[in-house]
PDB file of N, CA and C in Angstrom:
ATOM      1  N   ASN A   1      12.749  -7.701 -20.327  1.00  0.00           N
ATOM      2  CA  ASN A   1      13.551  -7.106 -19.065  1.00  0.00           C
ATOM      3  C   ASN A   1      13.473  -8.037 -17.450  1.00  0.00           C
ATOM      4  N   TYR A   2      14.420  -7.969 -17.181  1.00  0.00           N
ATOM      5  CA  TYR A   2      14.475  -8.574 -15.822  1.00  0.00           C
ATOM      6  C   TYR A   2      15.037  -7.749 -14.689  1.00  0.00           C
ATOM      7  N   ASN A   3      14.292  -7.611 -13.866  1.00  0.00           N
ATOM      8  CA  ASN A   3      14.747  -6.819 -12.478  1.00  0.00           C
ATOM      9  C   ASN A   3      15.629  -8.100 -12.132  1.00  0.00           C
ATOM     10  N   LEU A   4      16.814  -7.459 -11.326  1.00  0.00           N
ATOM     11  CA  LEU A   4      17.284  -8.548 -11.261  1.00  0.00           C
ATOM     12  C   LEU A   4      17.331  -8.489  -9.528  1.00  0.00           C
ATOM     13  N   VAL A   5      17.162  -7.378  -8.966  1.00  0.00           N
ATOM     14  CA  VAL A   5      16.823  -7.574  -7.666  1.00  0.00           C
ATOM     15  C   VAL A   5      15.601  -8.089  -7.249  1.00  0.00           C
ATOM     16  N   CYS A   6      14.738  -7.780  -7.844  1.00  0.00           N
ATOM     17  CA  CYS A   6      13.629  -8.608  -7.382  1.00  0.00           C
ATOM     18  C   CYS A   6      13.839 -10.116  -7.931  1.00  0.00           C
ATOM     19  N   GLU A   7      14.085 -10.513  -8.738  1.00  0.00           N
ATOM     20  CA  GLU A   7      14.856 -11.989  -9.187  1.00  0.00           C
ATOM     21  C   GLU A   7      15.319 -12.827  -7.702  1.00  0.00           C
ATOM     22  N   THR A   8      16.566 -11.734  -7.618  1.00  0.00           N
ATOM     23  CA  THR A   8      17.130 -12.108  -6.661  1.00  0.00           C
ATOM     24  C   THR A   8      16.358 -12.492  -5.299  1.00  0.00           C
ATOM     25  N   LEU A   9      15.651 -11.745  -4.596  1.00  0.00           N
ATOM     26  CA  LEU A   9      14.729 -11.747  -3.655  1.00  0.00           C
ATOM     27  C   LEU A   9      13.901 -12.737  -3.640  1.00  0.00           C
ATOM     28  N   LYS A  10      13.471 -12.867  -4.770  1.00  0.00           N
ATOM     29  CA  LYS A  10      12.580 -14.193  -4.955  1.00  0.00           C
ATOM     30  C   LYS A  10      13.193 -16.103  -4.779  1.00  0.00           C
ATOM     31  N   PHE A  11      14.347 -15.747  -5.226  1.00  0.00           N
ATOM     32  CA  PHE A  11      15.182 -16.415  -4.920  1.00  0.00           C
ATOM     33  C   PHE A  11      15.512 -17.000  -3.402  1.00  0.00           C
ATOM     34  N   LEU A  12      15.806 -15.356  -2.834  1.00  0.00           N
ATOM     35  CA  LEU A  12      16.684 -15.636  -1.327  1.00  0.00           C
ATOM     36  C   LEU A  12      14.976 -16.499  -0.527  1.00  0.00           C
ATOM     37  N   ASP A  13      13.667 -15.592  -1.458  1.00  0.00           N
ATOM     38  CA  ASP A  13      12.360 -15.848  -0.629  1.00  0.00           C
ATOM     39  C   ASP A  13      12.274 -17.794  -0.659  1.00  0.00           C
ATOM     40  N   ALA A  14      12.445 -18.352  -1.782  1.00  0.00           N
ATOM     41  CA  ALA A  14      12.602 -19.525  -1.557  1.00  0.00           C
ATOM     42  C   ALA A  14      13.402 -20.336  -1.246  1.00  0.00           C
ATOM     43  N   VAL A  15      14.891 -19.620  -0.896  1.00  0.00           N
ATOM     44  CA  VAL A  15      16.212 -20.248  -0.424  1.00  0.00           C
ATOM     45  C   VAL A  15      15.413 -20.567   1.647  1.00  0.00           C
ATOM     46  N   CYS A  16      14.994 -19.684   1.514  1.00  0.00           N
ATOM     47  CA  CYS A  16      14.624 -19.474   2.938  1.00  0.00           C
ATOM     48  C   CYS A  16      13.627 -20.119   3.138  1.00  0.00           C
ATOM     49  N   GLY A  17      12.593 -20.502   2.709  1.00  0.00           N
ATOM     50  CA  GLY A  17      11.331 -21.324   3.023  1.00  0.00           C
ATOM     51  C   GLY A  17       9.918 -20.190   3.763  1.00  0.00           C
ATOM     52  N   SER A  18      10.571 -18.998   3.723  1.00  0.00           N
ATOM     53  CA  SER A  18       9.639 -17.813   4.097  1.00  0.00           C
ATOM     54  C   SER A  18       8.340 -17.837   3.720  1.00  0.00           C
ATOM     55  N   GLN A  19       7.742 -18.687   2.638  1.00  0.00           N
ATOM     56  CA  GLN A  19       6.666 -18.935   2.055  1.00  0.00           C
ATOM     57  C   GLN A  19       5.547 -19.153   3.452  1.00  0.00           C
ATOM     58  N   THR A  20       6.175 -19.749   4.141  1.00  0.00           N
ATOM     59  CA  THR A  20       5.564 -20.388   5.557  1.00  0.00           C
ATOM     60  C   THR A  20       4.528 -19.024   5.450  1.00  0.00           C
ATOM     61  N   GLY A  21       5.212 -18.109   6.181  1.00  0.00           N
ATOM     62  CA  GLY A  21       4.850 -16.668   6.393  1.00  0.00           C
ATOM     63  C   GLY A  21       5.288 -16.934   7.912  1.00  0.00           C
ATOM     64  N   LEU A  22       6.220 -17.959   8.434  1.00  0.00           N
ATOM     65  CA  LEU A  22       6.912 -18.168   9.358  1.00  0.00           C
ATOM     66  C   LEU A  22       7.866 -17.280   9.545  1.00  0.00           C
ATOM     67  N   LEU A  23       8.582 -15.860   9.482  1.00  0.00           N
ATOM     68  CA  LEU A  23       9.938 -15.509   9.653  1.00  0.00           C
ATOM     69  C   LEU A  23      10.635 -15.939  10.917  1.00  0.00           C
ATOM     70  N   GLY A  24       9.848 -16.255  11.760  1.00  0.00           N
ATOM     71  CA  GLY A  24      10.986 -16.553  13.026  1.00  0.00           C
ATOM     72  C   GLY A  24      11.088 -17.876  12.959  1.00  0.00           C
ATOM     73  N   LEU A  25      10.824 -18.499  12.566  1.00  0.00           N
ATOM     74  CA  LEU A  25      11.379 -19.977  12.180  1.00  0.00           C
ATOM     75  C   LEU A  25      12.700 -20.328  11.012  1.00  0.00           C
ATOM     76  N   LEU A  26      12.860 -19.236  10.331  1.00  0.00           N
ATOM     77  CA  LEU A  26      13.603 -19.123   9.635  1.00  0.00           C
ATOM     78  C   LEU A  26      14.953 -20.375   9.759  1.00  0.00           C
ATOM     79  N   GLY A  27      15.477 -20.621  10.860  1.00  0.00           N
ATOM     80  CA  GLY A  27      16.473 -21.045  11.509  1.00  0.00           C
ATOM     81  C   GLY A  27      16.264 -22.402  11.100  1.00  0.00           C
ATOM     82  N   ASN A  28      15.132 -22.809  11.072  1.00  0.00           N
ATOM     83  CA  ASN A  28      15.002 -24.011  10.732  1.00  0.00           C
ATOM     84  C   ASN A  28      14.725 -24.259   9.232  1.00  0.00           C
ATOM     85  N   TYR A  29      14.681 -23.827   8.225  1.00  0.00           N
ATOM     86  CA  TYR A  29      14.733 -23.831   6.964  1.00  0.00           C
ATOM     87  C   TYR A  29      15.794 -23.747   6.269  1.00  0.00           C
ATOM     88  N   ILE A  30      16.694 -22.823   6.948  1.00  0.00           N
ATOM     89  CA  ILE A  30      18.328 -23.068   6.457  1.00  0.00           C
ATOM     90  C   ILE A  30      19.060 -23.897   6.540  1.00  0.00           C
ATOM     91  N   ASN A  31      19.402 -24.828   6.111  1.00  0.00           N
ATOM     92  CA  ASN A  31      20.538 -25.736   6.593  1.00  0.00           C
ATOM     93  C   ASN A  31      21.658 -26.163   5.775  1.00  0.00           C
ATOM     94  N   GLU A  32      22.799 -26.883   5.976  1.00  0.00           N
ATOM     95  CA  GLU A  32      23.869 -26.448   5.724  1.00  0.00           C
ATOM     96  C   GLU A  32      23.990 -26.367   3.966  1.00  0.00           C
ATOM     97  N   ASP A  33      23.023 -27.430   3.437  1.00  0.00           N
ATOM     98  CA  ASP A  33      23.029 -27.249   1.680  1.00  0.00           C
ATOM     99  C   ASP A  33      22.633 -25.633   1.281  1.00  0.00           C
ATOM    100  N   LYS A  34      22.078 -25.126   2.269  1.00  0.00           N
ATOM    101  CA  LYS A  34      21.118 -23.439   1.777  1.00  0.00           C
ATOM    102  C   LYS A  34      22.011 -22.129   2.201  1.00  0.00           C
ATOM    103  N   VAL A  35      23.243 -22.581   2.961  1.00  0.00           N
ATOM    104  CA  VAL A  35      24.198 -21.296   3.922  1.00  0.00           C
ATOM    105  C   VAL A  35      24.262 -20.820   2.633  1.00  0.00           C
ATOM    106  N   ASP A  36      25.736 -21.552   1.692  1.00  0.00           N
ATOM    107  CA  ASP A  36      26.325 -21.014   0.691  1.00  0.00           C
ATOM    108  C   ASP A  36      25.057 -19.888  -0.285  1.00  0.00           C
ATOM    109  N   LEU A  37      24.058 -20.867  -0.392  1.00  0.00           N
ATOM    110  CA  LEU A  37      23.350 -19.768  -1.627  1.00  0.00           C
ATOM    111  C   LEU A  37      22.436 -18.625  -0.861  1.00  0.00           C
ATOM    112  N   THR A  38      22.517 -18.763   0.489  1.00  0.00           N
ATOM    113  CA  THR A  38      21.682 -17.797   0.866  1.00  0.00           C
ATOM    114  C   THR A  38      22.921 -16.413   1.372  1.00  0.00           C
ATOM    115  N   ASN A  39      23.917 -16.685   1.703  1.00  0.00           N
ATOM    116  CA  ASN A  39      24.903 -16.240   1.678  1.00  0.00           C
ATOM    117  C   ASN A  39      25.710 -15.300   0.390  1.00  0.00           C
ATOM    118  N   GLN A  40      25.460 -16.000  -0.720  1.00  0.00           N
ATOM    119  CA  GLN A  40      25.878 -15.766  -2.152  1.00  0.00           C
ATOM    120  C   GLN A  40      24.439 -14.628  -2.172  1.00  0.00           C
ATOM    121  N   ALA A  41      23.266 -14.984  -1.976  1.00  0.00           N
ATOM    122  CA  ALA A  41      22.376 -14.234  -2.708  1.00  0.00           C
ATOM    123  C   ALA A  41      22.463 -12.556  -1.458  1.00  0.00           C
ATOM    124  N   LEU A  42      22.673 -12.778  -0.255  1.00  0.00           N
ATOM    125  CA  LEU A  42      22.861 -11.973   0.200  1.00  0.00           C
ATOM    126  C   LEU A  42      24.149 -10.697   0.188  1.00  0.00           C
ATOM    127  N   ILE A  43      25.339 -11.423  -0.195  1.00  0.00           N
ATOM    128  CA  ILE A  43      26.347 -10.741  -0.735  1.00  0.00           C
ATOM    129  C   ILE A  43      25.716  -9.966  -2.220  1.00  0.00           C
ATOM    130  N   THR A  44      25.449 -10.571  -2.854  1.00  0.00           N
ATOM    131  CA  THR A  44      24.477 -10.058  -4.116  1.00  0.00           C
ATOM    132  C   THR A  44      23.651  -9.191  -4.185  1.00  0.00           C
ATOM    133  N   LEU A  45      22.751  -8.941  -2.975  1.00  0.00           N
ATOM    134  CA  LEU A  45      21.631  -7.647  -2.961  1.00  0.00           C
ATOM    135  C   LEU A  45      22.345  -6.685  -2.054  1.00  0.00           C
ATOM    136  N   THR A  46      23.744  -7.091  -1.257  1.00  0.00           N
ATOM    137  CA  THR A  46      24.447  -6.061  -1.132  1.00  0.00           C
ATOM    138  C   THR A  46      25.114  -5.176  -2.222  1.00  0.00           C
ATOM    139  N   GLU A  47      25.813  -5.503  -3.178  1.00  0.00           N
ATOM    140  CA  GLU A  47      26.383  -5.294  -3.853  1.00  0.00           C
ATOM    141  C   GLU A  47      25.169  -4.536  -4.738  1.00  0.00           C
ATOM    142  N   TYR A  48      24.329  -5.168  -4.996  1.00  0.00           N
ATOM    143  CA  TYR A  48      23.350  -4.196  -5.900  1.00  0.00           C
ATOM    144  C   TYR A  48      22.899  -2.662  -5.335  1.00  0.00           C
ATOM    145  N   CYS A  49      22.877  -2.905  -3.895  1.00  0.00           N
ATOM    146  CA  CYS A  49      22.581  -1.466  -3.288  1.00  0.00           C
ATOM    147  C   CYS A  49      24.319  -0.383  -3.383  1.00  0.00           C
ATOM    148  N   GLN A  50      24.959  -1.074  -3.266  1.00  0.00           N
ATOM    149  CA  GLN A  50      26.543  -0.014  -3.346  1.00  0.00           C
ATOM    150  C   GLN A  50      26.141   1.044  -4.231  1.00  0.00           C
ATOM    151  N   GLY A  51      26.829   2.046  -3.654  1.00  0.00           N
ATOM    152  CA  GLY A  51      27.148   3.207  -5.077  1.00  0.00           C
ATOM    153  C   GLY A  51      27.163   4.348  -4.207  1.00  0.00           C
ATOM    154  N   PRO A  52      25.471   4.835  -3.389  1.00  0.00           N
ATOM    155  CA  PRO A  52      24.442   4.168  -2.997  1.00  0.00           C
ATOM    156  C   PRO A  52      23.594   4.275  -4.587  1.00  0.00           C
ATOM    157  N   CYS A  53      22.942   3.245  -4.725  1.00  0.00           N
ATOM    158  CA  CYS A  53      22.220   2.881  -5.666  1.00  0.00           C
ATOM    159  C   CYS A  53      19.980   3.062  -5.470  1.00  0.00           C
ATOM    160  N   HIS A  54      20.008   4.202  -4.982  1.00  0.00           N
ATOM    161  CA  HIS A  54      18.832   4.564  -4.327  1.00  0.00           C
ATOM    162  C   HIS A  54      17.305   3.764  -4.699  1.00  0.00           C
ATOM    163  N   ASP A  55      17.639   3.487  -6.434  1.00  0.00           N
ATOM    164  CA  ASP A  55      16.148   2.680  -7.024  1.00  0.00           C
ATOM    165  C   ASP A  55      16.411   1.315  -6.670  1.00  0.00           C
ATOM    166  N   ASN A  56      18.310   0.229  -6.126  1.00  0.00           N
ATOM    167  CA  ASN A  56      17.814  -0.742  -5.921  1.00  0.00           C
ATOM    168  C   ASN A  56      17.532  -1.133  -4.092  1.00  0.00           C
ATOM    169  N   GLN A  57      18.051   0.156  -3.473  1.00  0.00           N
ATOM    170  CA  GLN A  57      17.143   0.047  -1.998  1.00  0.00           C
ATOM    171  C   GLN A  57      16.275   0.271  -2.253  1.00  0.00           C
ATOM    172  N   ASP A  58      15.172   1.166  -3.031  1.00  0.00           N
ATOM    173  CA  ASP A  58      13.770   0.902  -2.837  1.00  0.00           C
ATOM    174  C   ASP A  58      13.222  -0.208  -3.109  1.00  0.00           C
ATOM    175  N   ALA A  59      13.826  -1.168  -4.138  1.00  0.00           N
ATOM    176  CA  ALA A  59      12.973  -2.285  -4.756  1.00  0.00           C
ATOM    177  C   ALA A  59      13.327  -3.205  -3.804  1.00  0.00           C
ATOM    178  N   ILE A  60      14.726  -3.740  -2.578  1.00  0.00           N
ATOM    179  CA  ILE A  60      14.396  -4.573  -1.680  1.00  0.00           C
ATOM    180  C   ILE A  60      12.988  -4.019  -0.921  1.00  0.00           C
ATOM    181  N   VAL A  61      12.991  -3.011  -0.123  1.00  0.00           N
ATOM    182  CA  VAL A  61      12.204  -2.422   1.141  1.00  0.00           C
ATOM    183  C   VAL A  61      11.005  -2.673   0.159  1.00  0.00           C
ATOM    184  N   ASN A  62      10.489  -2.340  -1.105  1.00  0.00           N
ATOM    185  CA  ASN A  62       9.229  -2.778  -1.554  1.00  0.00           C
ATOM    186  C   ASN A  62       8.837  -3.342  -1.969  1.00  0.00           C
ATOM    187  N   HIS A  63       9.371  -4.910  -1.956  1.00  0.00           N
ATOM    188  CA  HIS A  63       9.471  -5.700  -2.690  1.00  0.00           C
ATOM    189  C   HIS A  63       8.200  -6.752  -2.328  1.00  0.00           C
ATOM    190  N   GLU A  64       7.551  -7.748  -2.861  1.00  0.00           N
ATOM    191  CA  GLU A  64       6.219  -8.148  -2.897  1.00  0.00           C
ATOM    192  C   GLU A  64       6.611  -9.370  -1.829  1.00  0.00           C
ATOM    193  N   SER A  65       8.019  -9.910  -1.741  1.00  0.00           N
ATOM    194  CA  SER A  65       8.313 -10.429  -1.183  1.00  0.00           C
ATOM    195  C   SER A  65       8.848 -10.195   0.327  1.00  0.00           C
ATOM    196  N   ASN A  66       8.448  -9.145   0.710  1.00  0.00           N
ATOM    197  CA  ASN A  66       9.112  -8.210   1.733  1.00  0.00           C
ATOM    198  C   ASN A  66      10.377  -8.991   2.071  1.00  0.00           C
ATOM    199  N   GLY A  67      10.986  -7.861   1.411  1.00  0.00           N
ATOM    200  CA  GLY A  67      12.651  -8.246   1.043  1.00  0.00           C
ATOM    201  C   GLY A  67      13.611  -8.008   2.740  1.00  0.00           C
ATOM    202  N   ILE A  68      13.585  -6.854   3.172  1.00  0.00           N
ATOM    203  CA  ILE A  68      13.498  -6.382   4.056  1.00  0.00           C
ATOM    204  C   ILE A  68      13.587  -7.157   5.438  1.00  0.00           C
ATOM    205  N   ASP A  69      12.211  -7.518   5.695  1.00  0.00           N
ATOM    206  CA  ASP A  69      11.460  -8.255   6.615  1.00  0.00           C
ATOM    207  C   ASP A  69      12.945 -10.067   6.602  1.00  0.00           C
ATOM    208  N   ILE A  70      12.651 -10.561   5.301  1.00  0.00           N
ATOM    209  CA  ILE A  70      13.719 -11.709   5.462  1.00  0.00           C
ATOM    210  C   ILE A  70      14.931 -11.381   5.895  1.00  0.00           C
ATOM    211  N   ILE A  71      15.292 -10.513   5.507  1.00  0.00           N
ATOM    212  CA  ILE A  71      16.787  -9.846   5.507  1.00  0.00           C
ATOM    213  C   ILE A  71      17.303  -9.897   7.434  1.00  0.00           C
ATOM    214  N   ILE A  72      16.073  -8.751   7.501  1.00  0.00           N
ATOM    215  CA  ILE A  72      16.138  -8.620   8.949  1.00  0.00           C
ATOM    216  C   ILE A  72      16.362 -10.199   9.802  1.00  0.00           C
ATOM    217  N   ALA A  73      15.345 -10.928   9.299  1.00  0.00           N
ATOM    218  CA  ALA A  73      15.474 -12.380   9.941  1.00  0.00           C
ATOM    219  C   ALA A  73      16.158 -13.384   9.982  1.00  0.00           C
ATOM    220  N   ILE A  74      16.740 -13.067   8.729  1.00  0.00           N
ATOM    221  CA  ILE A  74      18.249 -14.018   8.686  1.00  0.00           C
ATOM    222  C   ILE A  74      19.289 -13.842   9.721  1.00  0.00           C
ATOM    223  N   VAL A  75      19.417 -11.951   9.760  1.00  0.00           N
ATOM    224  CA  VAL A  75      20.521 -11.480  10.679  1.00  0.00           C
ATOM    225  C   VAL A  75      20.079 -11.887  12.014  1.00  0.00           C
ATOM    226  N   LEU A  76      18.840 -11.995  12.300  1.00  0.00           N
ATOM    227  CA  LEU A  76      18.385 -11.470  13.968  1.00  0.00           C
ATOM    228  C   LEU A  76      18.331 -13.056  14.227  1.00  0.00           C
ATOM    229  N   ASN A  77      17.924 -14.290  13.330  1.00  0.00           N
ATOM    230  CA  ASN A  77      17.585 -15.820  13.545  1.00  0.00           C
ATOM    231  C   ASN A  77      18.794 -16.343  14.318  1.00  0.00           C
ATOM    232  N   ASP A  78      18.824 -17.206  14.996  1.00  0.00           N
ATOM    233  CA  ASP A  78      19.774 -17.823  15.247  1.00  0.00           C
ATOM    234  C   ASP A  78      19.722 -19.114  14.320  1.00  0.00           C
ATOM    235  N   MET A  79      20.710 -19.532  13.464  1.00  0.00           N
ATOM    236  CA  MET A  79      21.010 -20.496  12.519  1.00  0.00           C
ATOM    237  C   MET A  79      21.707 -22.019  13.032  1.00  0.00           C
ATOM    238  N   THR A  80      21.113 -23.018  12.753  1.00  0.00           N
ATOM    239  CA  THR A  80      22.363 -23.677  13.824  1.00  0.00           C
ATOM    240  C   THR A  80      21.844 -24.910  12.793  1.00  0.00           C
ATOM    241  N   PRO A  81      22.488 -25.055  11.637  1.00  0.00           N
ATOM    242  CA  PRO A  81      22.591 -25.808  10.598  1.00  0.00           C
ATOM    243  C   PRO A  81      23.164 -27.593  10.983  1.00  0.00           C
TER     244      PRO A  81
END
């Protein structure tokens, strides 16, 4: 069994380079090569939550990679590819 929400969050975490713990620098890690991947991961997470699907929403908020913090950082930070 695979939890696709958690796997997508792990993927987003890896693509965004947030393993550094510096979410404020997220814009430095998302370059032109990663914009499409980041966008698709966010679209996929949005689709997982529609319905609404409370289990998937909880999985994003409670995930070990701080999924909601990554999403907020992406939305709030300037991206200059």
